Amino acid sequence: MQMVGQTSPSVSSVHVVCHNIEIKMIEFEKIILTEIPNLHKIDIYEQYGGYTALRKALGMTPDAVIDEVKKSNLRGRGGACFPAGLKWSFMPKQSAKPKYLCANGDESEPGTFKDRQIFELNPHVFIEGALIEAFAIGAQMVYVYIRGEYKKWIDLLQVAIDDAYEKGYIGQNILGSGFSTDMQVYRGAGAYICGEESSLMNSIEGGRGYPRVKPPFPAQSGMWGCPTTVNNIETISNVPAIMNRGWEWYSKIGAPKHPGPLLYGISGHVNKPAVLELPTGVLLTDLIYDYCGGVKNGKNIKAVIPGGSSTMWLRGEELEGVRMDADSLKIVGTSIGTAGVIVMDEDTDVIKVLTRIAHFYHHESCGQCTPCREGTGWMEKILKRFLAGEGTMQDIDLLLDVANNIEGNTICALGDAAAWPVQSVIKKFRGEFEKRAKKSPTVSQYVKPPHLVETMLNV
C-alpha cells in the first residue's frame, strides 16, 4: 500500500543542487499535491497512510516532535523562511494561560495561490500537520485563518475538519492519548495586512487588523495575551512527511540549507500557468521552460518576479543559473517569498505593472505607520504621472527617495513590501523611466525644488 507522506505515485524528473553538487533527481516524491484521486476524502487519505504520522507523534514526547522538525530544517513557506522547529520551541512549556496555534491561510499577496490547492486537493495533510504541531506546542485550539474570498476552499476545508472530528482525530482525548485540541476556521474580511501574524491575531480577536509592536512576540503574548504560534498552511503541511520518513530523509531533498518540497505558483506570460510541487533549488529557467511550456508566442522574457509581488525583480538576462531557494535568490538580490513566480514578456510595460502593484499596497496599507500610510500613496501618485506622460527626470529620484524612506521604518513588513518593487524596478529598468520622462524645465525657472513641495501638499 502506498502511503501519504511516505511514497507517492506522483514522481518528477528534476535538476536540484545537493551539497553544492548538481544532480539529476530521477524520482521526486510529492508529499502535498500528490496525484492520488479523491485524496480530499478522509477514507482515501487513511487508505494511503493518512494520520499515521499523528499516531506516531502522539507516542512521542512533545520535545521529541519539536526536535524532529528542528533537525529537518523545515523553513517557513509564508515568505520569511524562518526555521519552523525553532519557532515551535519558543512556545513556553508551562503556561497558566491557554496556548494557541494559528494557521495562516490568508494568502492575499498578488501572484500567490498555493494554499488553496492544499485545501482543495489534500486538506487532511494540513489538518494532520496542524494536530501534530498542536501536540508539540501544547495548543488547546487551532485557528485556521483564511481570506473570506476563498469561500469555496473554506467550505472544502470545513468538510474535512468535520470528518476528522467524526473519526476522533480532533477533539477530546485524541486517539486515547490524553491530548485534546479543537480546530476552528476563521474567515478574514479580505485585508492583505492580516497576512501579518499580529494583524491576523487582532482580526481573530475581533479587532482592527493593525500590526503590533514587538516585543512581546506571539509566543509570549499572542491572542488575548496568551502564548501563540503562527505558521503558514504549506509549512504545516510538510510535517506529516517529516514524522513518517524522518528528518534525515527530508533534509536531503533539494537545497541543503532550505530543504524539502516547495509549491511554486507560476503565472504571467507562460503557456501553462501552474502550481507545481518540486524540490527547492530547481532552476528558475526550468520552471518556466520545462514545466510551464515557455513564454507565450515564443517571446523573450523581460522580467520575472520570483516570490510574489513584494519581492525584488530580475531582468530576463539575469535568469540563467538562478535557483529557487532562499540562499540562492538572496545572492542575486531578491528572495523566495511565497514562490509566486510572475513572468513578464518582452512587450510588458514595467511601469504599468509597477503602478498596479503600488496601487495594491497603497490600498492595503492599514494606515497605522506614517511612512507607509503617506508613502505608498505618494509612490502611486508619482508612478501615475509617468503613465500620463507627466513624469520628469527629477521624479525618478523622488520616487526612489520615498521608497527608501519607507523601507525599515514601519511596524510590519508591508512598508518594505511596497518599497522593494519600486526600488528594484528603478534599479533594473531606470531607462524605462527616463524614456517616459518629459523634458524638464531648467532649474532656474523654479523658486523651490521641482515637484517636491507641490507633491507633498497634494498627497
Protein backbone atom coordinates (compact mmCIF):
# COMPACT_ATOMS: atom_id res chain seq x y z
CA MET A 1 0.00 0.00 0.00
CA GLN A 2 1.34 3.43 -0.90
CA MET A 3 1.44 5.88 1.98
CA VAL A 4 0.75 9.60 2.06
CA GLY A 5 3.98 11.26 3.15
CA GLN A 6 5.89 8.04 2.51
CA THR A 7 5.61 7.02 -1.12
CA SER A 8 3.55 8.71 -3.77
CA PRO A 9 2.55 7.78 -7.28
CA SER A 10 3.50 11.33 -8.23
CA VAL A 11 7.11 11.49 -9.41
CA SER A 12 9.06 14.04 -11.40
CA SER A 13 12.44 14.26 -13.05
CA VAL A 14 14.16 17.44 -11.93
CA HIS A 15 17.56 19.11 -11.57
CA VAL A 16 18.49 20.02 -7.99
CA VAL A 17 21.55 21.07 -6.04
CA CYS A 18 22.51 18.90 -3.09
CA HIS A 19 25.52 19.89 -1.01
CA ASN A 20 26.77 22.14 -3.82
CA ILE A 21 26.69 19.31 -6.38
CA GLU A 22 24.25 19.44 -9.28
CA ILE A 23 22.47 16.13 -9.71
CA LYS A 24 19.57 14.77 -11.73
CA MET A 25 16.92 13.54 -9.34
CA ILE A 26 15.17 10.79 -11.27
CA GLU A 27 12.20 10.36 -8.99
CA PHE A 28 10.91 13.12 -6.77
CA GLU A 29 8.09 12.07 -4.45
CA LYS A 30 5.35 14.60 -3.99
CA ILE A 31 4.12 14.76 -0.42
CA ILE A 32 1.49 17.52 -0.58
CA LEU A 33 -0.05 17.77 -4.04
CA THR A 34 0.05 14.06 -4.82
CA GLU A 35 -1.98 12.75 -7.74
CA ILE A 36 -3.97 10.24 -5.70
CA PRO A 37 -7.62 10.54 -6.81
CA ASN A 38 -10.08 11.81 -4.19
CA LEU A 39 -7.42 12.29 -1.54
CA HIS A 40 -9.54 15.05 -0.02
CA LYS A 41 -11.85 12.33 1.31
CA ILE A 42 -10.79 11.09 4.73
CA ASP A 43 -11.31 7.40 3.93
CA ILE A 44 -8.99 7.66 0.91
CA TYR A 45 -6.47 9.66 2.94
CA GLU A 46 -6.47 6.95 5.62
CA GLN A 47 -6.17 4.24 2.97
CA TYR A 48 -2.92 5.81 1.81
CA GLY A 49 -1.47 6.07 5.30
CA GLY A 50 -3.15 9.25 6.46
CA TYR A 51 -2.99 10.09 10.18
CA THR A 52 -0.24 7.51 10.80
CA ALA A 53 2.11 10.44 11.43
CA LEU A 54 -0.27 11.78 14.07
CA ARG A 55 -0.37 8.39 15.79
CA LYS A 56 3.41 8.28 15.74
CA ALA A 57 3.74 11.79 17.16
CA LEU A 58 1.27 11.11 19.97
CA GLY A 59 3.51 8.21 21.03
CA MET A 60 6.46 10.57 21.39
CA THR A 61 7.16 13.43 23.78
CA PRO A 62 6.36 16.95 22.58
CA ASP A 63 10.06 17.83 22.82
CA ALA A 64 10.96 14.86 20.63
CA VAL A 65 8.48 16.01 17.96
CA ILE A 66 9.90 19.54 18.03
CA ASP A 67 13.43 18.16 17.79
CA GLU A 68 12.49 16.09 14.73
CA VAL A 69 11.16 19.18 12.95
CA LYS A 70 14.17 21.23 14.04
CA LYS A 71 16.63 18.71 12.63
CA SER A 72 14.71 18.51 9.35
CA ASN A 73 15.42 22.24 8.86
CA LEU A 74 11.89 22.84 7.63
CA ARG A 75 11.70 26.58 6.94
CA GLY A 76 8.56 28.65 6.79
CA ARG A 77 6.78 28.76 3.43
CA GLY A 78 4.98 32.02 4.11
CA GLY A 79 7.81 34.31 3.00
CA ALA A 80 10.15 34.78 5.97
CA CYS A 81 11.76 31.30 5.71
CA PHE A 82 12.16 31.14 9.50
CA PRO A 83 13.01 27.64 10.84
CA ALA A 84 9.71 26.06 11.88
CA GLY A 85 11.06 23.84 14.65
CA LEU A 86 12.87 26.76 16.24
CA LYS A 87 9.65 28.79 16.20
CA TRP A 88 7.82 25.90 17.88
CA SER A 89 10.46 25.77 20.62
CA PHE A 90 9.73 29.39 21.58
CA MET A 91 6.36 28.33 22.99
CA PRO A 92 6.65 28.14 26.80
CA LYS A 93 6.40 24.58 28.11
CA GLN A 94 4.38 25.62 31.15
CA SER A 95 1.70 28.28 31.00
CA ALA A 96 -1.14 29.27 33.26
CA LYS A 97 -2.89 30.58 30.16
CA PRO A 98 -4.20 28.52 27.24
CA LYS A 99 -1.91 28.16 24.23
CA TYR A 100 -2.96 28.60 20.62
CA LEU A 101 -1.83 27.66 17.13
CA CYS A 102 -2.78 29.98 14.27
CA ALA A 103 -2.52 28.56 10.76
CA ASN A 104 -2.12 31.42 8.30
CA GLY A 105 -4.07 30.82 5.09
CA ASP A 106 -4.74 34.48 4.32
CA GLU A 107 -2.78 34.25 1.04
CA SER A 108 -3.58 37.75 -0.19
CA GLU A 109 -0.34 38.66 -1.97
CA PRO A 110 -0.63 39.05 -5.76
CA GLY A 111 0.98 36.11 -7.52
CA THR A 112 0.39 33.70 -4.61
CA PHE A 113 -2.18 30.92 -4.92
CA LYS A 114 -0.76 27.72 -3.43
CA ASP A 115 -2.65 27.20 -0.16
CA ARG A 116 -6.00 26.88 -1.87
CA GLN A 117 -4.58 23.88 -3.79
CA ILE A 118 -3.95 22.18 -0.44
CA PHE A 119 -7.47 22.95 0.80
CA GLU A 120 -8.96 21.52 -2.38
CA LEU A 121 -6.76 18.52 -3.16
CA ASN A 122 -5.26 17.37 0.15
CA PRO A 123 -6.78 19.17 3.16
CA HIS A 124 -6.09 16.32 5.57
CA VAL A 125 -2.31 16.61 5.18
CA PHE A 126 -2.65 20.13 6.57
CA ILE A 127 -5.07 19.06 9.31
CA GLU A 128 -2.78 16.22 10.36
CA GLY A 129 0.25 18.53 10.39
CA ALA A 130 -1.63 21.09 12.46
CA LEU A 131 -2.65 18.45 15.01
CA ILE A 132 0.96 17.26 15.32
CA GLU A 133 2.12 20.84 15.85
CA ALA A 134 -0.65 21.49 18.38
CA PHE A 135 0.50 18.43 20.34
CA ALA A 136 4.14 19.52 20.18
CA ILE A 137 3.49 23.04 21.48
CA GLY A 138 0.57 22.15 23.76
CA ALA A 139 -2.06 24.20 21.91
CA GLN A 140 -5.63 23.77 23.11
CA MET A 141 -7.06 25.40 19.98
CA VAL A 142 -6.06 25.60 16.32
CA TYR A 143 -7.38 28.64 14.47
CA VAL A 144 -7.23 28.41 10.68
CA TYR A 145 -7.33 31.94 9.27
CA ILE A 146 -8.42 32.08 5.61
CA ARG A 147 -9.27 35.10 3.49
CA GLY A 148 -13.01 35.48 3.09
CA GLU A 149 -12.83 35.47 -0.71
CA TYR A 150 -11.81 31.81 -0.52
CA LYS A 151 -15.37 30.67 0.23
CA LYS A 152 -15.11 27.57 -1.94
CA TRP A 153 -11.91 26.45 -0.24
CA ILE A 154 -13.18 27.37 3.22
CA ASP A 155 -16.18 25.12 2.65
CA LEU A 156 -13.98 22.27 1.40
CA LEU A 157 -11.69 22.55 4.42
CA GLN A 158 -14.65 22.65 6.80
CA VAL A 159 -15.93 19.36 5.41
CA ALA A 160 -12.51 17.80 6.00
CA ILE A 161 -12.37 19.16 9.57
CA ASP A 162 -15.85 17.81 10.31
CA ASP A 163 -14.80 14.39 9.02
CA ALA A 164 -11.67 14.46 11.19
CA TYR A 165 -13.80 15.27 14.23
CA GLU A 166 -16.05 12.30 13.46
CA LYS A 167 -13.04 10.00 13.23
CA GLY A 168 -11.69 11.18 16.59
CA TYR A 169 -8.60 12.95 15.21
CA ILE A 170 -9.75 16.32 16.59
CA GLY A 171 -11.43 16.95 19.93
CA GLN A 172 -11.11 15.38 23.34
CA ASN A 173 -8.60 12.63 24.20
CA ILE A 174 -7.41 12.22 20.62
CA LEU A 175 -6.80 8.54 19.78
CA GLY A 176 -6.79 7.77 23.51
CA SER A 177 -3.59 9.76 24.02
CA GLY A 178 -4.95 12.12 26.67
CA PHE A 179 -4.21 15.08 24.38
CA SER A 180 -7.13 17.31 23.41
CA THR A 181 -7.40 20.17 20.95
CA ASP A 182 -10.05 21.79 18.78
CA MET A 183 -9.90 23.35 15.32
CA GLN A 184 -11.88 26.31 14.02
CA VAL A 185 -11.86 28.10 10.68
CA TYR A 186 -11.88 31.90 10.89
CA ARG A 187 -12.87 33.86 7.80
CA GLY A 188 -10.96 37.07 7.20
CA ALA A 189 -12.55 40.12 5.65
CA GLY A 190 -10.11 40.40 2.76
CA ALA A 191 -7.42 42.66 4.24
CA TYR A 192 -3.90 41.92 2.97
CA ILE A 193 -2.45 43.26 6.21
CA CYS A 194 -3.99 40.31 8.08
CA GLY A 195 -1.38 38.06 6.49
CA GLU A 196 0.99 39.65 9.02
CA GLU A 197 0.87 37.48 12.12
CA SER A 198 -0.03 40.08 14.73
CA SER A 199 -2.68 41.65 12.48
CA LEU A 200 -4.08 38.16 11.98
CA MET A 201 -4.34 37.71 15.74
CA ASN A 202 -6.03 41.09 16.17
CA SER A 203 -8.53 40.11 13.47
CA ILE A 204 -9.38 36.82 15.19
CA GLU A 205 -9.88 38.73 18.44
CA GLY A 206 -12.44 40.89 16.64
CA GLY A 207 -10.26 43.96 16.48
CA ARG A 208 -8.84 46.04 13.68
CA GLY A 209 -6.13 44.47 11.54
CA TYR A 210 -3.28 46.55 12.95
CA PRO A 211 0.22 45.07 13.37
CA ARG A 212 1.59 45.03 16.91
CA VAL A 213 4.92 46.37 18.06
CA LYS A 214 7.30 43.54 19.01
CA PRO A 215 8.40 42.52 21.58
CA PRO A 216 6.44 40.90 23.10
CA PHE A 217 6.39 38.21 20.44
CA PRO A 218 3.36 35.95 19.93
CA ALA A 219 4.89 33.02 21.82
CA GLN A 220 4.99 35.21 24.92
CA SER A 221 1.82 37.26 24.36
CA GLY A 222 -0.31 36.44 21.35
CA MET A 223 -4.07 36.15 21.04
CA TRP A 224 -5.86 37.52 24.10
CA GLY A 225 -2.44 37.85 25.72
CA CYS A 226 -1.88 34.06 25.57
CA PRO A 227 1.10 32.18 24.08
CA THR A 228 0.51 31.73 20.34
CA THR A 229 2.43 30.23 17.42
CA VAL A 230 1.67 31.28 13.84
CA ASN A 231 2.66 29.15 10.85
CA ASN A 232 1.80 29.12 7.16
CA ILE A 233 -0.53 26.44 5.75
CA GLU A 234 2.13 24.98 3.43
CA THR A 235 4.70 24.88 6.22
CA ILE A 236 2.38 22.84 8.42
CA SER A 237 1.52 20.52 5.51
CA ASN A 238 5.15 19.34 5.37
CA VAL A 239 5.06 17.98 8.93
CA PRO A 240 3.36 14.57 8.39
CA ALA A 241 6.02 13.50 5.88
CA ILE A 242 8.79 14.54 8.28
CA MET A 243 7.25 12.42 11.03
CA ASN A 244 6.69 9.42 8.74
CA ARG A 245 10.00 9.44 6.90
CA GLY A 246 12.30 11.11 9.42
CA TRP A 247 14.29 14.32 9.44
CA GLU A 248 17.28 12.86 7.59
CA TRP A 249 15.17 11.92 4.58
CA TYR A 250 13.52 15.33 4.47
CA SER A 251 16.73 17.32 4.90
CA LYS A 252 18.26 15.69 1.79
CA ILE A 253 15.53 16.96 -0.56
CA GLY A 254 16.57 19.97 -2.63
CA ALA A 255 18.82 22.74 -1.38
CA PRO A 256 20.68 21.69 1.81
CA LYS A 257 20.11 24.98 3.68
CA HIS A 258 16.47 25.28 2.57
CA PRO A 259 15.35 21.68 2.11
CA GLY A 260 12.12 19.96 1.21
CA PRO A 261 9.49 20.25 -1.49
CA LEU A 262 8.08 23.65 -2.35
CA LEU A 263 4.84 24.70 -4.02
CA TYR A 264 5.72 27.04 -6.88
CA GLY A 265 2.91 29.15 -8.31
CA ILE A 266 3.87 30.27 -11.82
CA SER A 267 1.74 32.87 -13.59
CA GLY A 268 2.05 35.64 -16.16
CA HIS A 269 3.14 35.20 -19.76
CA VAL A 270 3.77 31.45 -19.66
CA ASN A 271 1.97 28.88 -21.78
CA LYS A 272 0.95 26.70 -18.85
CA PRO A 273 0.44 28.58 -15.56
CA ALA A 274 0.51 26.11 -12.71
CA VAL A 275 1.09 25.26 -9.08
CA LEU A 276 3.97 22.77 -9.06
CA GLU A 277 5.40 20.74 -6.21
CA LEU A 278 9.14 20.37 -6.77
CA PRO A 279 12.26 20.39 -4.60
CA THR A 280 13.81 23.66 -3.51
CA GLY A 281 16.82 24.62 -5.58
CA VAL A 282 15.32 23.98 -9.03
CA LEU A 283 16.45 26.26 -11.82
CA LEU A 284 14.11 29.19 -12.40
CA THR A 285 14.51 28.67 -16.15
CA ASP A 286 13.46 25.00 -15.75
CA LEU A 287 10.26 26.11 -14.04
CA ILE A 288 9.46 28.46 -16.89
CA TYR A 289 10.53 26.43 -19.91
CA ASP A 290 10.38 22.76 -18.89
CA TYR A 291 7.36 22.76 -16.60
CA CYS A 292 5.31 25.72 -17.85
CA GLY A 293 5.93 25.35 -21.57
CA GLY A 294 7.93 28.53 -22.04
CA VAL A 295 6.77 32.04 -22.82
CA LYS A 296 3.67 32.68 -24.91
CA ASN A 297 4.28 33.18 -28.63
CA GLY A 298 7.96 32.36 -28.15
CA LYS A 299 8.76 35.84 -26.89
CA ASN A 300 11.75 36.75 -24.76
CA ILE A 301 11.48 37.36 -21.04
CA LYS A 302 11.75 40.94 -19.92
CA ALA A 303 11.41 40.43 -16.17
CA VAL A 304 10.49 37.88 -13.52
CA ILE A 305 9.20 38.42 -10.00
CA PRO A 306 10.37 35.23 -8.20
CA GLY A 307 8.41 35.21 -4.95
CA GLY A 308 5.18 37.19 -5.12
CA SER A 309 4.60 40.89 -5.77
CA SER A 310 6.64 42.09 -2.78
CA THR A 311 9.96 40.60 -3.92
CA MET A 312 12.70 42.24 -5.96
CA TRP A 313 12.55 41.81 -9.74
CA LEU A 314 15.03 40.05 -12.02
CA ARG A 315 15.74 41.05 -15.60
CA GLY A 316 15.32 38.40 -18.27
CA GLU A 317 19.06 38.24 -18.94
CA GLU A 318 19.76 37.57 -15.24
CA LEU A 319 17.82 34.30 -15.03
CA GLU A 320 20.44 31.85 -16.26
CA GLY A 321 21.66 29.68 -13.37
CA VAL A 322 19.30 31.22 -10.79
CA ARG A 323 17.94 28.60 -8.39
CA MET A 324 14.75 28.76 -6.41
CA ASP A 325 15.81 28.58 -2.79
CA ALA A 326 16.23 31.23 -0.11
CA ASP A 327 20.02 31.44 -0.16
CA SER A 328 20.46 31.33 -3.94
CA LEU A 329 17.94 34.11 -4.51
CA LYS A 330 19.48 36.22 -1.77
CA ILE A 331 22.78 36.11 -3.65
CA VAL A 332 21.15 37.66 -6.74
CA GLY A 333 19.42 40.36 -4.68
CA THR A 334 15.90 39.02 -4.27
CA SER A 335 14.03 36.45 -2.17
CA ILE A 336 11.95 33.28 -2.39
CA GLY A 337 8.93 34.86 -0.69
CA THR A 338 5.94 32.61 -1.31
CA ALA A 339 7.49 31.17 -4.51
CA GLY A 340 4.88 33.00 -6.57
CA VAL A 341 6.73 33.38 -9.87
CA ILE A 342 5.36 36.08 -12.19
CA VAL A 343 6.80 36.03 -15.73
CA MET A 344 6.66 39.11 -17.98
CA ASP A 345 7.48 39.02 -21.69
CA GLU A 346 9.44 41.50 -23.80
CA ASP A 347 6.37 43.65 -24.56
CA THR A 348 5.49 44.28 -20.91
CA ASP A 349 5.18 47.87 -19.75
CA VAL A 350 7.05 47.54 -16.46
CA ILE A 351 5.94 50.98 -15.25
CA LYS A 352 2.31 50.00 -15.75
CA VAL A 353 2.85 46.75 -13.82
CA LEU A 354 4.68 48.59 -11.05
CA THR A 355 1.89 51.17 -10.82
CA ARG A 356 -0.65 48.37 -10.39
CA ILE A 357 1.45 46.85 -7.61
CA ALA A 358 1.90 50.26 -5.94
CA HIS A 359 -1.87 50.80 -6.07
CA PHE A 360 -2.38 47.47 -4.31
CA TYR A 361 -0.03 48.32 -1.43
CA HIS A 362 -1.46 51.82 -1.11
CA HIS A 363 -4.96 50.38 -0.90
CA GLU A 364 -3.95 47.66 1.57
CA SER A 365 -1.89 49.81 3.93
CA CYS A 366 -3.60 49.78 7.33
CA GLY A 367 -2.58 53.40 7.89
CA GLN A 368 -1.02 52.89 11.31
CA CYS A 369 2.51 53.97 10.34
CA THR A 370 3.04 57.37 8.73
CA PRO A 371 5.80 56.31 6.28
CA CYS A 372 3.58 53.57 4.86
CA ARG A 373 0.28 55.45 5.02
CA GLU A 374 1.65 58.53 3.24
CA GLY A 375 4.50 56.98 1.28
CA THR A 376 2.51 54.30 -0.54
CA GLY A 377 0.08 56.93 -1.84
CA TRP A 378 2.92 59.21 -2.81
CA MET A 379 4.62 56.44 -4.81
CA GLU A 380 1.40 55.59 -6.63
CA LYS A 381 0.82 59.24 -7.49
CA ILE A 382 4.32 59.66 -8.94
CA LEU A 383 4.02 56.46 -10.97
CA LYS A 384 0.69 57.59 -12.37
CA ARG A 385 2.42 60.78 -13.53
CA PHE A 386 4.75 58.65 -15.64
CA LEU A 387 1.81 56.72 -17.11
CA ALA A 388 0.18 60.03 -18.01
CA GLY A 389 3.37 61.33 -19.63
CA GLU A 390 3.83 63.95 -16.90
CA GLY A 391 6.75 62.40 -15.01
CA THR A 392 10.13 64.14 -15.02
CA MET A 393 13.72 63.06 -14.51
CA GLN A 394 13.56 64.54 -11.01
CA ASP A 395 10.57 62.32 -10.26
CA ILE A 396 12.68 59.19 -10.69
CA ASP A 397 14.93 60.12 -7.79
CA LEU A 398 11.99 61.43 -5.80
CA LEU A 399 10.24 58.09 -6.21
CA LEU A 400 13.35 56.23 -5.09
CA ASP A 401 13.79 58.59 -2.14
CA VAL A 402 10.22 57.96 -0.96
CA ALA A 403 10.71 54.18 -1.22
CA ASN A 404 13.99 54.37 0.71
CA ASN A 405 12.30 56.32 3.48
CA ILE A 406 9.50 53.76 3.82
CA GLU A 407 11.80 50.72 3.98
CA GLY A 408 12.66 49.71 7.52
CA ASN A 409 10.57 52.46 9.13
CA THR A 410 7.27 50.68 9.73
CA ILE A 411 5.96 48.32 12.40
CA CYS A 412 5.38 45.47 9.95
CA ALA A 413 6.81 44.45 6.59
CA LEU A 414 4.03 45.89 4.43
CA GLY A 415 6.06 49.07 4.06
CA ASP A 416 9.05 47.06 2.88
CA ALA A 417 6.81 45.04 0.55
CA ALA A 418 5.63 48.29 -1.05
CA ALA A 419 9.10 49.81 -1.29
CA TRP A 420 11.09 46.86 -2.64
CA PRO A 421 9.37 46.57 -6.04
CA VAL A 422 9.82 50.31 -6.62
CA GLN A 423 13.49 50.20 -5.64
CA SER A 424 14.02 47.14 -7.78
CA VAL A 425 12.35 48.39 -10.95
CA ILE A 426 14.16 51.73 -10.83
CA LYS A 427 17.46 49.87 -10.40
CA LYS A 428 16.78 47.32 -13.14
CA PHE A 429 14.77 49.44 -15.59
CA ARG A 430 15.73 53.05 -14.97
CA GLY A 431 15.93 53.58 -18.71
CA GLU A 432 12.20 52.90 -18.99
CA PHE A 433 11.50 55.82 -16.67
CA GLU A 434 13.94 58.09 -18.48
CA LYS A 435 12.28 57.33 -21.84
CA ARG A 436 8.87 58.21 -20.39
CA ALA A 437 10.05 61.37 -18.62
CA LYS A 438 9.09 64.60 -20.29
CA LYS A 439 11.79 67.17 -20.87
CA SER A 440 12.24 69.07 -17.61
CA PRO A 441 12.40 72.84 -17.48
CA THR A 442 15.67 74.35 -16.32
CA VAL A 443 16.14 74.64 -12.57
CA SER A 444 16.36 78.45 -12.81
CA GLN A 445 12.64 78.56 -13.62
CA TYR A 446 11.81 77.26 -10.14
CA VAL A 447 11.95 79.10 -6.88
CA LYS A 448 11.70 75.78 -4.99
CA PRO A 449 12.94 72.28 -5.92
CA PRO A 450 10.69 70.98 -8.71
CA HIS A 451 7.68 68.91 -7.68
CA LEU A 452 8.83 68.22 -4.13
CA VAL A 453 6.76 70.74 -2.15
CA GLU A 454 3.93 70.59 -4.70
CA THR A 455 3.69 66.82 -4.39
CA MET A 456 3.76 66.87 -0.58
CA LEU A 457 0.86 69.30 -0.49
CA ASN A 458 -1.19 67.22 -2.92
CA VAL A 459 -0.84 63.85 -1.15
